[in-house]
Amino acid sequence: MQSIAAENNLSETAFFVPDADGFHIRWFTPTTEVALCGHATLASAFVLFNILNYEGDTIVFSSKSGPLPVSRDGDRLVLDFPSQPPEPCATPTAIVEAFGIEPKECLRAVDYVLIFDSAEQVRSADPNMEILRNVDCRGVIISAAADDYDFVARFFAPNAGIAEDPVTGSAYTKLVPYWAKKTGKTTFHVKQVSSRGGELFCELAGDRVLIAGTAVKYLEGFVEIDT
C-alpha cells in the first residue's frame, strides 16, 4: 500500500476492504501511513455509493481513529469524525521562522493550529517548507475569520510528504471546536484556500464533528502490480 501511495504521489491514497461491520479503511501519504484523513474517506464513500452500488444510506468505516460513518445528504456526503479540540501552546520558533510572522494564537492537537489576524494572511502565506520539516507534529493548520466564509484555512505537512494539502477533512476536527468556542456557533460554511481549494459544511455535534462536501469521478482505471 505504501508503494502504491508513493507511485500515486498524491496527498493521500485510501485503501478499503469489507469487514464484519462495513469496511476497513487505511490512508497513506507518499511517505507514511496517517491515522485520519477526510477527503480520501469522502472519496472512498463516493466510490462505494456511486460506482460499486452500495445500497444503504450510511457506510461505517473502521479505522485507526475508530468508527467513521459517512452518510448521504442529497448531493453531499457527510463525514462523522471524532472532535480533536486543540490546546493553547507556545509558538515554536521554527513556525515563526517558516511563516515570517507571529500568529495571533498557537494551539496544538495532532497538528499545530495557527490563528492569523486576517484571511488575507492565510491566503498569501508562503511558508519555508524546509523549516516546517523541523516541526514536531504531523502538520500545521493556519486559519482566520473571513468575510465570505465563517473561516478559511490551509494545511501544510512537509514532514509527512505533503507540502500543501488541497483540502484536509481531518483539519476541521480541530478547527471546528476551536471556532465554535470562539464564536458560539456550531455550524460553519468554510473554505480551504489552497490553490485547488474546496468548500466544506461543518457542524460541531457534541464530541463529534460533521464534515460535508461533494465529490466527482474524474478517473477510473487499474493498477498493475509486478509480483
Protein backbone atom coordinates (compact mmCIF):
# COMPACT_ATOMS: atom_id res chain seq x y z
CA MET A 1 0.00 0.00 0.00
CA GLN A 2 2.81 2.41 0.82
CA SER A 3 4.47 1.68 -2.51
CA ILE A 4 1.24 2.34 -4.40
CA ALA A 5 0.74 5.61 -2.50
CA ALA A 6 4.29 6.66 -3.34
CA GLU A 7 3.65 5.86 -7.01
CA ASN A 8 0.37 7.84 -6.97
CA ASN A 9 2.22 10.76 -5.33
CA LEU A 10 -1.00 12.37 -4.09
CA SER A 11 -1.63 13.82 -0.63
CA GLU A 12 -3.28 10.58 0.48
CA THR A 13 -4.23 7.28 -1.11
CA ALA A 14 -7.05 5.35 0.59
CA PHE A 15 -7.49 1.57 0.67
CA PHE A 16 -10.69 -0.09 1.89
CA VAL A 17 -11.90 -3.68 2.22
CA PRO A 18 -15.19 -5.16 3.51
CA ASP A 19 -15.30 -6.23 7.16
CA ALA A 20 -17.97 -7.52 9.55
CA ASP A 21 -19.47 -4.07 10.27
CA GLY A 22 -18.91 -2.30 6.98
CA PHE A 23 -15.48 -1.51 5.61
CA HIS A 24 -11.97 -1.14 6.99
CA ILE A 25 -10.01 1.85 5.68
CA ARG A 26 -6.36 2.95 5.77
CA TRP A 27 -4.68 6.06 4.33
CA PHE A 28 -1.13 6.67 3.11
CA THR A 29 0.73 9.80 2.05
CA PRO A 30 3.62 9.28 -0.39
CA THR A 31 5.88 8.63 2.62
CA THR A 32 3.83 7.40 5.61
CA GLU A 33 0.55 6.00 6.93
CA VAL A 34 -1.74 8.50 8.70
CA ALA A 35 -4.34 7.91 11.40
CA LEU A 36 -7.15 10.05 9.95
CA CYS A 37 -7.96 11.53 6.55
CA GLY A 38 -11.15 13.27 5.48
CA HIS A 39 -11.06 13.82 1.73
CA ALA A 40 -9.89 10.29 0.92
CA THR A 41 -12.65 8.89 3.16
CA LEU A 42 -15.23 11.01 1.34
CA ALA A 43 -13.81 9.78 -1.98
CA SER A 44 -13.99 6.16 -0.80
CA ALA A 45 -17.63 6.59 0.19
CA PHE A 46 -18.35 8.23 -3.19
CA VAL A 47 -16.86 5.18 -4.96
CA LEU A 48 -18.95 2.79 -2.86
CA PHE A 49 -22.20 4.71 -3.31
CA ASN A 50 -21.84 5.68 -6.98
CA ILE A 51 -19.61 3.08 -8.63
CA LEU A 52 -19.83 -0.07 -6.52
CA ASN A 53 -23.59 0.40 -5.94
CA TYR A 54 -23.65 0.25 -2.14
CA GLU A 55 -27.37 0.27 -1.33
CA GLY A 56 -27.53 1.75 2.17
CA ASP A 57 -27.54 5.43 3.10
CA THR A 58 -24.68 5.17 5.63
CA ILE A 59 -21.31 3.46 5.37
CA VAL A 60 -19.27 2.79 8.52
CA PHE A 61 -15.51 2.64 8.04
CA SER A 62 -13.42 1.11 10.82
CA SER A 63 -10.05 2.82 11.15
CA LYS A 64 -7.13 3.70 13.41
CA SER A 65 -9.32 6.58 14.63
CA GLY A 66 -12.31 4.36 15.44
CA PRO A 67 -15.59 4.00 13.52
CA LEU A 68 -16.17 6.69 10.88
CA PRO A 69 -19.72 6.83 9.49
CA VAL A 70 -20.33 8.53 6.14
CA SER A 71 -23.92 9.25 5.11
CA ARG A 72 -25.67 10.66 2.05
CA ASP A 73 -27.45 14.01 2.32
CA GLY A 74 -28.64 14.94 -1.16
CA ASP A 75 -25.57 15.60 -3.28
CA ARG A 76 -23.36 15.90 -0.21
CA LEU A 77 -21.55 13.21 1.73
CA VAL A 78 -21.34 13.80 5.48
CA LEU A 79 -18.31 12.55 7.42
CA ASP A 80 -18.82 11.86 11.13
CA PHE A 81 -15.38 12.27 12.74
CA PRO A 82 -14.13 12.49 16.34
CA SER A 83 -13.60 16.03 17.63
CA GLN A 84 -9.96 16.86 18.44
CA PRO A 85 -10.00 20.22 20.27
CA PRO A 86 -6.56 21.87 20.20
CA GLU A 87 -4.97 23.24 23.36
CA PRO A 88 -3.13 26.58 23.57
CA CYS A 89 0.65 26.29 23.48
CA ALA A 90 3.76 28.35 22.94
CA THR A 91 4.53 29.12 19.31
CA PRO A 92 7.58 27.12 18.17
CA THR A 93 10.43 29.25 16.88
CA ALA A 94 10.52 27.16 13.68
CA ILE A 95 6.93 28.12 12.88
CA VAL A 96 7.62 31.87 13.24
CA GLU A 97 10.72 31.47 11.07
CA ALA A 98 8.85 29.42 8.45
CA PHE A 99 5.95 31.87 8.06
CA GLY A 100 7.85 35.06 8.80
CA ILE A 101 5.00 36.22 11.04
CA GLU A 102 3.89 35.60 14.62
CA PRO A 103 0.39 34.07 14.73
CA LYS A 104 -2.26 35.64 16.95
CA GLU A 105 -2.72 32.26 18.66
CA CYS A 106 -0.97 28.92 18.56
CA LEU A 107 -2.68 25.70 19.63
CA ARG A 108 -1.92 22.03 19.28
CA ALA A 109 -3.66 18.67 18.92
CA VAL A 110 -2.37 16.17 16.35
CA ASP A 111 -1.32 19.25 14.35
CA TYR A 112 -0.36 22.79 15.25
CA VAL A 113 -3.20 25.26 14.69
CA LEU A 114 -2.16 28.86 13.94
CA ILE A 115 -4.75 31.62 14.08
CA PHE A 116 -3.90 34.68 11.99
CA ASP A 117 -5.36 38.19 12.11
CA SER A 118 -6.84 38.16 8.61
CA ALA A 119 -7.99 35.85 5.84
CA GLU A 120 -5.54 37.61 3.51
CA GLN A 121 -2.62 36.46 5.67
CA VAL A 122 -3.87 32.88 5.29
CA ARG A 123 -4.35 33.21 1.53
CA SER A 124 -0.94 34.79 0.91
CA ALA A 125 1.13 32.60 3.28
CA ASP A 126 4.19 31.08 1.60
CA PRO A 127 5.99 29.15 4.33
CA ASN A 128 9.51 27.79 4.08
CA MET A 129 8.94 24.04 3.74
CA GLU A 130 12.45 23.07 4.79
CA ILE A 131 11.96 24.86 8.11
CA LEU A 132 8.48 23.33 8.55
CA ARG A 133 10.06 19.87 8.29
CA ASN A 134 11.53 20.53 11.75
CA VAL A 135 8.11 20.96 13.38
CA ASP A 136 7.43 18.16 15.87
CA CYS A 137 3.94 17.06 14.74
CA ARG A 138 2.06 15.81 11.68
CA GLY A 139 1.40 19.21 10.14
CA VAL A 140 0.50 22.88 10.53
CA ILE A 141 -3.00 24.31 10.04
CA ILE A 142 -3.44 28.04 9.53
CA SER A 143 -6.81 29.76 9.83
CA ALA A 144 -8.57 33.10 10.18
CA ALA A 145 -12.08 34.52 10.18
CA ALA A 146 -13.29 35.69 6.77
CA ASP A 147 -15.97 37.93 5.26
CA ASP A 148 -17.20 35.47 2.63
CA TYR A 149 -16.99 32.33 4.82
CA ASP A 150 -17.14 31.66 8.54
CA PHE A 151 -13.40 30.99 8.37
CA VAL A 152 -10.71 29.96 5.91
CA ALA A 153 -7.83 27.54 6.37
CA ARG A 154 -4.78 25.90 4.78
CA PHE A 155 -2.78 22.82 5.76
CA PHE A 156 0.94 22.05 5.39
CA ALA A 157 2.67 18.76 6.25
CA PRO A 158 6.07 18.50 4.52
CA ASN A 159 7.40 16.02 7.07
CA ALA A 160 4.55 13.66 6.04
CA GLY A 161 5.32 14.01 2.36
CA ILE A 162 2.70 16.73 1.73
CA ALA A 163 3.89 20.26 1.03
CA GLU A 164 0.32 21.58 1.00
CA ASP A 165 -2.86 19.51 1.05
CA PRO A 166 -5.67 20.83 -1.22
CA VAL A 167 -8.49 20.01 1.22
CA THR A 168 -7.97 18.40 4.61
CA GLY A 169 -11.04 16.95 6.32
CA SER A 170 -9.14 15.94 9.45
CA ALA A 171 -8.00 19.55 10.00
CA TYR A 172 -11.60 20.52 10.75
CA THR A 173 -11.75 18.14 13.71
CA LYS A 174 -9.50 20.77 15.34
CA LEU A 175 -10.76 23.93 13.66
CA VAL A 176 -14.49 23.41 14.24
CA PRO A 177 -14.24 23.01 18.06
CA TYR A 178 -11.85 25.99 18.16
CA TRP A 179 -14.15 28.31 16.15
CA ALA A 180 -17.24 27.02 17.96
CA LYS A 181 -15.72 28.05 21.27
CA LYS A 182 -14.58 31.38 19.83
CA THR A 183 -17.86 32.33 18.12
CA GLY A 184 -20.57 30.40 19.99
CA LYS A 185 -21.74 28.91 16.69
CA THR A 186 -22.00 25.18 15.93
CA THR A 187 -22.43 25.24 12.13
CA PHE A 188 -19.90 26.65 9.66
CA HIS A 189 -19.52 27.18 5.91
CA VAL A 190 -15.78 27.24 5.32
CA LYS A 191 -13.21 27.31 2.54
CA GLN A 192 -9.79 25.73 2.32
CA VAL A 193 -7.95 28.34 0.28
CA SER A 194 -5.21 26.22 -1.26
CA SER A 195 -4.54 26.70 -4.98
CA ARG A 196 -7.09 23.94 -5.79
CA GLY A 197 -9.34 24.80 -2.85
CA GLY A 198 -12.56 23.31 -1.57
CA GLU A 199 -15.74 24.22 0.33
CA LEU A 200 -16.88 22.38 3.43
CA PHE A 201 -20.03 22.48 5.55
CA CYS A 202 -19.21 21.62 9.15
CA GLU A 203 -21.09 21.13 12.40
CA LEU A 204 -19.98 20.51 15.96
CA ALA A 205 -22.14 17.69 17.37
CA GLY A 206 -21.01 17.01 20.92
CA ASP A 207 -17.71 15.16 20.77
CA ARG A 208 -18.05 14.63 17.00
CA VAL A 209 -17.53 16.91 14.01
CA LEU A 210 -19.73 16.53 10.93
CA ILE A 211 -17.92 17.49 7.73
CA ALA A 212 -19.92 17.60 4.49
CA GLY A 213 -18.77 18.05 0.93
CA THR A 214 -19.18 16.77 -2.61
CA ALA A 215 -17.09 14.62 -4.93
CA VAL A 216 -16.93 13.86 -8.64
CA LYS A 217 -15.40 10.97 -10.57
CA TYR A 218 -12.62 12.08 -12.88
CA LEU A 219 -10.66 8.86 -13.45
CA GLU A 220 -11.24 5.12 -13.40
CA GLY A 221 -8.53 2.60 -14.13
CA PHE A 222 -6.33 -0.27 -12.99
CA VAL A 223 -3.11 -0.59 -11.02
CA GLU A 224 -0.67 -3.23 -12.25
CA ILE A 225 1.45 -4.88 -9.57
CA ASP A 226 4.51 -6.88 -10.61
CA THR A 227 4.66 -9.94 -8.33
